[in-house]
Amino acid sequence: MPAKDGSITTKELLVGLKLGRPCDRAVCGAVVIGTAAYLARWPKACFTEDGELRPFKKLSAEPDATYKHFLLVPLTAAVVCFLFT
């Protein structure tokens, strides 16, 4: 419910956007950051020259596999959103 002066608090705004729980904010943050990182092809070590994702070295024997995995970016964003918001 808005305050008497008509302003809306941050908590009210997040609840209105269905982001009232930390796990909801974590999923939203992971999707937004993951999409932005994928569109920017960041980190560069995770993509081939053709723009495809490189496989993870521990799970693949391909020569262009890497130890850096793209999913670490959105996973890290989700953890940060969950813990600090």
N, C-alpha and C. Protein backbone atom coordinates (compact mmCIF):
# COMPACT_ATOMS: atom_id res chain seq x y z
N MET A 1 0.83 -1.17 0.00
CA MET A 1 0.00 0.00 0.00
C MET A 1 0.89 1.24 0.00
N PRO A 2 0.68 2.19 -0.91
CA PRO A 2 1.51 3.38 -0.98
C PRO A 2 1.41 4.24 0.27
N ALA A 3 2.46 4.99 0.53
CA ALA A 3 2.49 5.89 1.67
C ALA A 3 1.48 7.02 1.47
N LYS A 4 1.27 7.82 2.52
CA LYS A 4 0.29 8.90 2.47
C LYS A 4 0.62 9.95 1.42
N ASP A 5 1.90 10.14 1.17
CA ASP A 5 2.29 11.15 0.17
C ASP A 5 2.28 10.59 -1.25
N GLY A 6 1.86 9.34 -1.42
CA GLY A 6 1.75 8.75 -2.75
C GLY A 6 3.00 8.05 -3.24
N SER A 7 4.07 8.08 -2.47
CA SER A 7 5.31 7.43 -2.91
C SER A 7 5.24 5.92 -2.64
N ILE A 8 6.01 5.18 -3.38
CA ILE A 8 6.06 3.73 -3.24
C ILE A 8 7.46 3.35 -2.78
N THR A 9 7.53 2.50 -1.78
CA THR A 9 8.84 2.06 -1.29
C THR A 9 9.41 1.00 -2.23
N THR A 10 10.69 0.74 -2.07
CA THR A 10 11.35 -0.27 -2.89
C THR A 10 10.73 -1.64 -2.66
N LYS A 11 10.42 -1.95 -1.42
CA LYS A 11 9.82 -3.25 -1.11
C LYS A 11 8.46 -3.39 -1.80
N GLU A 12 7.65 -2.35 -1.77
CA GLU A 12 6.34 -2.39 -2.44
C GLU A 12 6.50 -2.55 -3.94
N LEU A 13 7.50 -1.88 -4.51
CA LEU A 13 7.74 -1.99 -5.94
C LEU A 13 8.15 -3.41 -6.32
N LEU A 14 9.05 -4.01 -5.54
CA LEU A 14 9.49 -5.37 -5.84
C LEU A 14 8.35 -6.38 -5.70
N VAL A 15 7.51 -6.20 -4.69
CA VAL A 15 6.37 -7.10 -4.53
C VAL A 15 5.40 -6.93 -5.69
N GLY A 16 5.19 -5.70 -6.14
CA GLY A 16 4.31 -5.45 -7.27
C GLY A 16 4.82 -6.06 -8.56
N LEU A 17 6.14 -6.16 -8.70
CA LEU A 17 6.75 -6.77 -9.88
C LEU A 17 6.95 -8.27 -9.72
N LYS A 18 6.39 -8.83 -8.64
CA LYS A 18 6.52 -10.27 -8.34
C LYS A 18 7.96 -10.66 -8.05
N LEU A 19 8.74 -9.73 -7.50
CA LEU A 19 10.13 -10.00 -7.13
C LEU A 19 10.32 -9.80 -5.63
N GLY A 20 9.33 -10.17 -4.86
CA GLY A 20 9.36 -9.94 -3.43
C GLY A 20 10.24 -10.90 -2.65
N ARG A 21 10.57 -12.04 -3.22
CA ARG A 21 11.40 -13.03 -2.53
C ARG A 21 12.80 -13.04 -3.13
N PRO A 22 13.82 -13.33 -2.32
CA PRO A 22 15.19 -13.37 -2.84
C PRO A 22 15.38 -14.38 -3.97
N CYS A 23 14.71 -15.52 -3.91
CA CYS A 23 14.90 -16.52 -4.97
C CYS A 23 14.32 -16.01 -6.30
N ASP A 24 13.24 -15.25 -6.25
CA ASP A 24 12.68 -14.66 -7.47
C ASP A 24 13.63 -13.63 -8.08
N ARG A 25 14.24 -12.81 -7.20
CA ARG A 25 15.20 -11.82 -7.69
C ARG A 25 16.44 -12.49 -8.25
N ALA A 26 16.85 -13.62 -7.66
CA ALA A 26 18.02 -14.34 -8.15
C ALA A 26 17.79 -14.89 -9.55
N VAL A 27 16.62 -15.47 -9.77
CA VAL A 27 16.30 -16.01 -11.10
C VAL A 27 16.24 -14.88 -12.12
N CYS A 28 15.59 -13.79 -11.76
CA CYS A 28 15.48 -12.65 -12.67
C CYS A 28 16.87 -12.08 -13.00
N GLY A 29 17.71 -11.93 -11.98
CA GLY A 29 19.06 -11.42 -12.21
C GLY A 29 19.88 -12.34 -13.10
N ALA A 30 19.76 -13.64 -12.88
CA ALA A 30 20.49 -14.60 -13.70
C ALA A 30 20.05 -14.54 -15.16
N VAL A 31 18.76 -14.42 -15.38
CA VAL A 31 18.24 -14.36 -16.76
C VAL A 31 18.70 -13.08 -17.45
N VAL A 32 18.60 -11.95 -16.76
CA VAL A 32 18.98 -10.67 -17.37
C VAL A 32 20.49 -10.63 -17.65
N ILE A 33 21.31 -10.97 -16.68
CA ILE A 33 22.76 -10.94 -16.85
C ILE A 33 23.22 -12.01 -17.84
N GLY A 34 22.62 -13.19 -17.77
CA GLY A 34 22.98 -14.26 -18.70
C GLY A 34 22.65 -13.91 -20.14
N THR A 35 21.49 -13.29 -20.35
CA THR A 35 21.11 -12.88 -21.70
C THR A 35 22.04 -11.80 -22.22
N ALA A 36 22.35 -10.83 -21.37
CA ALA A 36 23.26 -9.75 -21.79
C ALA A 36 24.65 -10.30 -22.09
N ALA A 37 25.15 -11.21 -21.26
CA ALA A 37 26.47 -11.79 -21.49
C ALA A 37 26.49 -12.62 -22.77
N TYR A 38 25.42 -13.36 -23.03
CA TYR A 38 25.35 -14.17 -24.25
C TYR A 38 25.32 -13.29 -25.49
N LEU A 39 24.52 -12.22 -25.45
CA LEU A 39 24.45 -11.32 -26.60
C LEU A 39 25.76 -10.58 -26.84
N ALA A 40 26.48 -10.29 -25.76
CA ALA A 40 27.77 -9.61 -25.88
C ALA A 40 28.92 -10.60 -26.13
N ARG A 41 28.59 -11.89 -26.11
CA ARG A 41 29.60 -12.96 -26.24
C ARG A 41 30.72 -12.79 -25.23
N TRP A 42 30.32 -12.65 -23.98
CA TRP A 42 31.27 -12.46 -22.89
C TRP A 42 31.12 -13.59 -21.89
N PRO A 43 32.14 -14.16 -21.38
CA PRO A 43 33.56 -13.95 -21.66
C PRO A 43 33.98 -14.58 -22.99
N LYS A 44 34.90 -13.94 -23.64
CA LYS A 44 35.32 -14.34 -24.99
C LYS A 44 35.86 -15.77 -25.05
N ALA A 45 36.47 -16.25 -23.98
CA ALA A 45 37.06 -17.59 -23.98
C ALA A 45 36.01 -18.69 -24.09
N CYS A 46 34.74 -18.35 -23.85
CA CYS A 46 33.67 -19.35 -23.89
C CYS A 46 33.07 -19.52 -25.27
N PHE A 47 33.49 -18.70 -26.24
CA PHE A 47 32.89 -18.75 -27.58
C PHE A 47 33.95 -19.02 -28.64
N THR A 48 33.55 -19.75 -29.69
CA THR A 48 34.44 -19.98 -30.82
C THR A 48 34.40 -18.77 -31.75
N GLU A 49 35.22 -18.81 -32.79
CA GLU A 49 35.23 -17.71 -33.76
C GLU A 49 33.90 -17.62 -34.51
N ASP A 50 33.18 -18.73 -34.59
CA ASP A 50 31.87 -18.77 -35.26
C ASP A 50 30.74 -18.28 -34.37
N GLY A 51 31.02 -18.00 -33.09
CA GLY A 51 29.99 -17.53 -32.18
C GLY A 51 29.29 -18.63 -31.40
N GLU A 52 29.75 -19.86 -31.52
CA GLU A 52 29.14 -20.97 -30.79
C GLU A 52 29.81 -21.12 -29.43
N LEU A 53 29.07 -21.68 -28.47
CA LEU A 53 29.63 -21.92 -27.14
C LEU A 53 30.65 -23.05 -27.20
N ARG A 54 31.77 -22.88 -26.51
CA ARG A 54 32.76 -23.94 -26.41
C ARG A 54 32.32 -24.94 -25.34
N PRO A 55 32.61 -26.20 -25.54
CA PRO A 55 32.26 -27.19 -24.51
C PRO A 55 33.18 -27.07 -23.29
N PHE A 56 32.72 -27.60 -22.17
CA PHE A 56 33.49 -27.59 -20.92
C PHE A 56 34.50 -28.72 -20.97
N LYS A 57 35.76 -28.41 -20.65
CA LYS A 57 36.86 -29.37 -20.82
C LYS A 57 36.68 -30.64 -19.98
N LYS A 58 36.11 -30.52 -18.79
CA LYS A 58 35.94 -31.71 -17.94
C LYS A 58 34.86 -32.65 -18.47
N LEU A 59 33.97 -32.15 -19.33
CA LEU A 59 32.89 -32.97 -19.86
C LEU A 59 33.07 -33.32 -21.33
N SER A 60 34.10 -32.76 -21.98
CA SER A 60 34.25 -32.98 -23.41
C SER A 60 35.72 -33.20 -23.76
N ALA A 61 35.97 -34.04 -24.74
CA ALA A 61 37.34 -34.31 -25.19
C ALA A 61 37.69 -33.50 -26.44
N GLU A 62 36.83 -32.57 -26.84
CA GLU A 62 37.10 -31.78 -28.03
C GLU A 62 38.33 -30.89 -27.82
N PRO A 63 39.09 -30.63 -28.88
CA PRO A 63 40.32 -29.84 -28.73
C PRO A 63 40.08 -28.36 -28.38
N ASP A 64 38.92 -27.83 -28.73
CA ASP A 64 38.68 -26.40 -28.43
C ASP A 64 37.89 -26.20 -27.14
N ALA A 65 37.79 -27.25 -26.30
CA ALA A 65 37.09 -27.14 -25.03
C ALA A 65 37.88 -26.24 -24.08
N THR A 66 37.17 -25.63 -23.13
CA THR A 66 37.79 -24.70 -22.19
C THR A 66 37.33 -24.97 -20.77
N TYR A 67 38.15 -24.56 -19.79
CA TYR A 67 37.77 -24.71 -18.39
C TYR A 67 36.84 -23.57 -17.94
N LYS A 68 36.80 -22.50 -18.71
CA LYS A 68 35.89 -21.40 -18.38
C LYS A 68 34.54 -21.72 -19.00
N HIS A 69 33.50 -21.71 -18.20
CA HIS A 69 32.18 -22.06 -18.70
C HIS A 69 31.26 -20.85 -18.66
N PHE A 70 30.46 -20.68 -19.70
CA PHE A 70 29.57 -19.53 -19.82
C PHE A 70 28.57 -19.44 -18.67
N LEU A 71 28.09 -20.57 -18.19
CA LEU A 71 27.06 -20.54 -17.15
C LEU A 71 27.54 -20.02 -15.81
N LEU A 72 28.85 -19.84 -15.64
CA LEU A 72 29.35 -19.25 -14.41
C LEU A 72 28.92 -17.79 -14.28
N VAL A 73 28.73 -17.10 -15.39
CA VAL A 73 28.32 -15.69 -15.35
C VAL A 73 26.91 -15.55 -14.76
N PRO A 74 25.87 -16.19 -15.31
CA PRO A 74 24.55 -16.03 -14.70
C PRO A 74 24.44 -16.67 -13.32
N LEU A 75 25.19 -17.75 -13.08
CA LEU A 75 25.16 -18.37 -11.76
C LEU A 75 25.72 -17.41 -10.70
N THR A 76 26.80 -16.74 -11.03
CA THR A 76 27.37 -15.76 -10.11
C THR A 76 26.41 -14.61 -9.89
N ALA A 77 25.75 -14.15 -10.94
CA ALA A 77 24.77 -13.07 -10.80
C ALA A 77 23.61 -13.50 -9.91
N ALA A 78 23.17 -14.74 -10.04
CA ALA A 78 22.07 -15.23 -9.22
C ALA A 78 22.46 -15.29 -7.74
N VAL A 79 23.67 -15.74 -7.46
CA VAL A 79 24.12 -15.81 -6.08
C VAL A 79 24.23 -14.42 -5.48
N VAL A 80 24.77 -13.47 -6.23
CA VAL A 80 24.89 -12.10 -5.74
C VAL A 80 23.50 -11.49 -5.48
N CYS A 81 22.58 -11.69 -6.42
CA CYS A 81 21.21 -11.18 -6.23
C CYS A 81 20.53 -11.83 -5.02
N PHE A 82 20.73 -13.10 -4.83
CA PHE A 82 20.10 -13.80 -3.71
C PHE A 82 20.66 -13.32 -2.37
N LEU A 83 21.96 -13.16 -2.30
CA LEU A 83 22.59 -12.82 -1.02
C LEU A 83 22.50 -11.34 -0.66
N PHE A 84 22.54 -10.45 -1.64
CA PHE A 84 22.68 -9.04 -1.34
C PHE A 84 21.46 -8.18 -1.66
N THR A 85 20.33 -8.78 -2.00
CA THR A 85 19.13 -7.96 -2.23
C THR A 85 18.02 -8.38 -1.30
